[in-house]
Amino acid sequence: MSDATAQFFAQLGRHGHERLLRKTSGTIRFDLTRPGGVDHWLVTITHGQVRVSREKAAADAVIGADEQLFERMARGEVKPLPAWLRNDITAEGRFRFVLLLERLFDPPPGARHPRSVPPISREVR
């Protein structure tokens, strides 16, 4: 397992309550393929409260990915939804959890929230 993957899930578990997920409850299992096997991570969300474990349990959605691709997602280099549309990752189960993936991952390096960009001043001469 890569350091980026372990750090991603550790950080996700430490968040505790995630405000953006306060209306969400369900489970997402990540099956990450690596040479010699598959690593399983179970993310349980209960009204925004996030818990992470290494269980291979039934889940509302199961996301399958190559460990190297997932590492890039964890670093913010690859967005989950476009990766799914390109068939770089697979998803089974409830589709709404595929859409929720965008809220779990960090934005790409250098990205800013639109509100943090100063408005353009229009000087009249």
C-alpha atoms as a PDB file:
ATOM      1  CA  MET A   1       0.000   0.000   0.000  1.00  0.00           C
ATOM      2  CA  SER A   2       1.317   3.424  -0.914  1.00  0.00           C
ATOM      3  CA  ASP A   3       1.952   6.230   1.550  1.00  0.00           C
ATOM      4  CA  ALA A   4      -0.493   8.550  -0.264  1.00  0.00           C
ATOM      5  CA  THR A   5      -3.265   5.959   0.040  1.00  0.00           C
ATOM      6  CA  ALA A   6      -2.625   5.293   3.734  1.00  0.00           C
ATOM      7  CA  GLN A   7      -2.440   9.036   4.448  1.00  0.00           C
ATOM      8  CA  PHE A   8      -5.660   9.694   2.541  1.00  0.00           C
ATOM      9  CA  PHE A   9      -7.663   7.155   4.551  1.00  0.00           C
ATOM     10  CA  ALA A  10      -6.008   8.151   7.849  1.00  0.00           C
ATOM     11  CA  GLN A  11      -6.848  11.811   7.244  1.00  0.00           C
ATOM     12  CA  LEU A  12     -10.390  10.935   6.173  1.00  0.00           C
ATOM     13  CA  GLY A  13     -10.897   8.970   9.390  1.00  0.00           C
ATOM     14  CA  ARG A  14      -9.466  11.790  11.528  1.00  0.00           C
ATOM     15  CA  HIS A  15     -11.870  14.367  10.079  1.00  0.00           C
ATOM     16  CA  GLY A  16     -14.675  12.954  12.161  1.00  0.00           C
ATOM     17  CA  HIS A  17     -17.683  15.055  11.157  1.00  0.00           C
ATOM     18  CA  GLU A  18     -17.591  16.343   7.580  1.00  0.00           C
ATOM     19  CA  ARG A  19     -19.939  19.307   7.105  1.00  0.00           C
ATOM     20  CA  LEU A  20     -20.391  18.692   3.360  1.00  0.00           C
ATOM     21  CA  LEU A  21     -21.718  15.200   4.100  1.00  0.00           C
ATOM     22  CA  ARG A  22     -24.118  16.081   6.932  1.00  0.00           C
ATOM     23  CA  LYS A  23     -27.154  14.819   4.979  1.00  0.00           C
ATOM     24  CA  THR A  24     -25.433  11.591   3.934  1.00  0.00           C
ATOM     25  CA  SER A  25     -25.468   8.114   5.418  1.00  0.00           C
ATOM     26  CA  GLY A  26     -24.088   4.950   3.835  1.00  0.00           C
ATOM     27  CA  THR A  27     -20.985   2.915   3.123  1.00  0.00           C
ATOM     28  CA  ILE A  28     -18.398   2.945   0.365  1.00  0.00           C
ATOM     29  CA  ARG A  29     -15.863   0.154  -0.001  1.00  0.00           C
ATOM     30  CA  PHE A  30     -12.699   0.783  -1.965  1.00  0.00           C
ATOM     31  CA  ASP A  31     -11.083  -2.298  -3.524  1.00  0.00           C
ATOM     32  CA  LEU A  32      -7.582  -1.244  -4.547  1.00  0.00           C
ATOM     33  CA  THR A  33      -5.745  -3.680  -6.796  1.00  0.00           C
ATOM     34  CA  ARG A  34      -1.993  -4.023  -6.342  1.00  0.00           C
ATOM     35  CA  PRO A  35       0.514  -6.620  -7.497  1.00  0.00           C
ATOM     36  CA  GLY A  36      -0.213  -9.707  -5.445  1.00  0.00           C
ATOM     37  CA  GLY A  37      -3.620  -8.805  -4.078  1.00  0.00           C
ATOM     38  CA  VAL A  38      -6.362  -6.351  -3.250  1.00  0.00           C
ATOM     39  CA  ASP A  39      -6.521  -3.892  -0.349  1.00  0.00           C
ATOM     40  CA  HIS A  40      -9.977  -3.129   1.070  1.00  0.00           C
ATOM     41  CA  TRP A  41     -11.007   0.095   2.779  1.00  0.00           C
ATOM     42  CA  LEU A  42     -14.514   0.682   4.127  1.00  0.00           C
ATOM     43  CA  VAL A  43     -15.726   4.253   4.604  1.00  0.00           C
ATOM     44  CA  THR A  44     -18.859   4.565   6.721  1.00  0.00           C
ATOM     45  CA  ILE A  45     -20.716   7.873   6.694  1.00  0.00           C
ATOM     46  CA  THR A  46     -23.469   8.509   9.233  1.00  0.00           C
ATOM     47  CA  HIS A  47     -25.011  11.971   8.857  1.00  0.00           C
ATOM     48  CA  GLY A  48     -21.586  13.423   8.099  1.00  0.00           C
ATOM     49  CA  GLN A  49     -19.672  11.421  10.684  1.00  0.00           C
ATOM     50  CA  VAL A  50     -16.926   9.542   8.783  1.00  0.00           C
ATOM     51  CA  ARG A  51     -15.268   6.322   9.950  1.00  0.00           C
ATOM     52  CA  VAL A  52     -12.663   4.291   8.077  1.00  0.00           C
ATOM     53  CA  SER A  53     -11.764   0.622   8.523  1.00  0.00           C
ATOM     54  CA  ARG A  54      -9.971  -2.132   6.613  1.00  0.00           C
ATOM     55  CA  GLU A  55     -13.036  -4.408   6.402  1.00  0.00           C
ATOM     56  CA  LYS A  56     -14.148  -6.302   3.329  1.00  0.00           C
ATOM     57  CA  ALA A  57     -17.814  -5.871   4.196  1.00  0.00           C
ATOM     58  CA  ALA A  58     -20.914  -5.348   2.081  1.00  0.00           C
ATOM     59  CA  ALA A  59     -21.345  -1.697   1.119  1.00  0.00           C
ATOM     60  CA  ASP A  60     -23.813   0.617  -0.600  1.00  0.00           C
ATOM     61  CA  ALA A  61     -21.183   1.273  -3.271  1.00  0.00           C
ATOM     62  CA  VAL A  62     -17.967  -0.529  -4.187  1.00  0.00           C
ATOM     63  CA  ILE A  63     -15.255   1.419  -5.980  1.00  0.00           C
ATOM     64  CA  GLY A  64     -12.581  -0.589  -7.762  1.00  0.00           C
ATOM     65  CA  ALA A  65      -9.301   1.000  -8.805  1.00  0.00           C
ATOM     66  CA  ASP A  66      -5.687   0.269  -9.501  1.00  0.00           C
ATOM     67  CA  GLU A  67      -3.621   1.308  -6.479  1.00  0.00           C
ATOM     68  CA  GLN A  68      -1.394   3.594  -8.579  1.00  0.00           C
ATOM     69  CA  LEU A  69      -4.397   5.452 -10.007  1.00  0.00           C
ATOM     70  CA  PHE A  70      -5.942   5.744  -6.550  1.00  0.00           C
ATOM     71  CA  GLU A  71      -2.676   7.199  -5.257  1.00  0.00           C
ATOM     72  CA  ARG A  72      -2.945   9.935  -7.897  1.00  0.00           C
ATOM     73  CA  MET A  73      -6.561  10.553  -6.833  1.00  0.00           C
ATOM     74  CA  ALA A  74      -5.454  10.797  -3.194  1.00  0.00           C
ATOM     75  CA  ARG A  75      -2.871  13.440  -4.149  1.00  0.00           C
ATOM     76  CA  GLY A  76      -5.523  15.428  -6.072  1.00  0.00           C
ATOM     77  CA  GLU A  77      -3.952  14.771  -9.484  1.00  0.00           C
ATOM     78  CA  VAL A  78      -6.953  12.804 -10.805  1.00  0.00           C
ATOM     79  CA  LYS A  79     -10.612  13.626 -10.164  1.00  0.00           C
ATOM     80  CA  PRO A  80     -12.843  10.632  -9.303  1.00  0.00           C
ATOM     81  CA  LEU A  81     -15.846  11.388 -11.526  1.00  0.00           C
ATOM     82  CA  PRO A  82     -13.864  11.910 -14.763  1.00  0.00           C
ATOM     83  CA  ALA A  83     -11.842   8.776 -13.891  1.00  0.00           C
ATOM     84  CA  TRP A  84     -15.096   6.829 -13.599  1.00  0.00           C
ATOM     85  CA  LEU A  85     -16.363   8.254 -16.912  1.00  0.00           C
ATOM     86  CA  ARG A  86     -13.119   7.089 -18.577  1.00  0.00           C
ATOM     87  CA  ASN A  87     -13.533   3.631 -16.981  1.00  0.00           C
ATOM     88  CA  ASP A  88     -10.287   4.122 -15.041  1.00  0.00           C
ATOM     89  CA  ILE A  89     -12.222   3.193 -11.900  1.00  0.00           C
ATOM     90  CA  THR A  90     -15.269   0.958 -11.574  1.00  0.00           C
ATOM     91  CA  ALA A  91     -18.329   1.417  -9.413  1.00  0.00           C
ATOM     92  CA  GLU A  92     -21.059  -0.956  -8.310  1.00  0.00           C
ATOM     93  CA  GLY A  93     -24.060  -0.171  -6.188  1.00  0.00           C
ATOM     94  CA  ARG A  94     -25.713   3.157  -5.482  1.00  0.00           C
ATOM     95  CA  PHE A  95     -24.667   5.791  -7.998  1.00  0.00           C
ATOM     96  CA  ARG A  96     -25.075   8.712  -5.603  1.00  0.00           C
ATOM     97  CA  PHE A  97     -21.985   7.522  -3.736  1.00  0.00           C
ATOM     98  CA  VAL A  98     -19.948   7.746  -6.938  1.00  0.00           C
ATOM     99  CA  LEU A  99     -20.947  11.411  -7.112  1.00  0.00           C
ATOM    100  CA  LEU A 100     -20.040  11.866  -3.432  1.00  0.00           C
ATOM    101  CA  LEU A 101     -16.452  10.835  -4.149  1.00  0.00           C
ATOM    102  CA  GLU A 102     -15.727  14.386  -5.303  1.00  0.00           C
ATOM    103  CA  ARG A 103     -16.344  15.586  -1.738  1.00  0.00           C
ATOM    104  CA  LEU A 104     -13.965  13.057  -0.184  1.00  0.00           C
ATOM    105  CA  PHE A 105     -10.894  13.892  -2.247  1.00  0.00           C
ATOM    106  CA  ASP A 106      -8.727  16.992  -2.097  1.00  0.00           C
ATOM    107  CA  PRO A 107      -8.857  19.426  -5.009  1.00  0.00           C
ATOM    108  CA  PRO A 108      -6.021  19.388  -7.554  1.00  0.00           C
ATOM    109  CA  PRO A 109      -2.751  21.086  -6.486  1.00  0.00           C
ATOM    110  CA  GLY A 110      -2.993  24.853  -6.959  1.00  0.00           C
ATOM    111  CA  ALA A 111      -6.809  24.860  -7.134  1.00  0.00           C
ATOM    112  CA  ARG A 112      -8.665  27.614  -5.306  1.00  0.00           C
ATOM    113  CA  HIS A 113     -12.239  28.079  -4.267  1.00  0.00           C
ATOM    114  CA  PRO A 114     -13.913  30.620  -6.602  1.00  0.00           C
ATOM    115  CA  ARG A 115     -14.766  32.880  -3.671  1.00  0.00           C
ATOM    116  CA  SER A 116     -11.093  33.183  -2.711  1.00  0.00           C
ATOM    117  CA  VAL A 117     -10.156  34.825  -6.025  1.00  0.00           C
ATOM    118  CA  PRO A 118     -10.220  38.618  -5.766  1.00  0.00           C
ATOM    119  CA  PRO A 119     -12.692  40.342  -8.083  1.00  0.00           C
ATOM    120  CA  ILE A 120     -11.348  42.003 -11.201  1.00  0.00           C
ATOM    121  CA  SER A 121     -11.353  45.745 -10.833  1.00  0.00           C
ATOM    122  CA  ARG A 122     -12.612  47.652 -13.822  1.00  0.00           C
ATOM    123  CA  GLU A 123     -11.029  51.020 -13.805  1.00  0.00           C
ATOM    124  CA  VAL A 124     -12.699  53.646 -15.969  1.00  0.00           C
ATOM    125  CA  ARG A 125     -10.474  56.261 -17.528  1.00  0.00           C
END
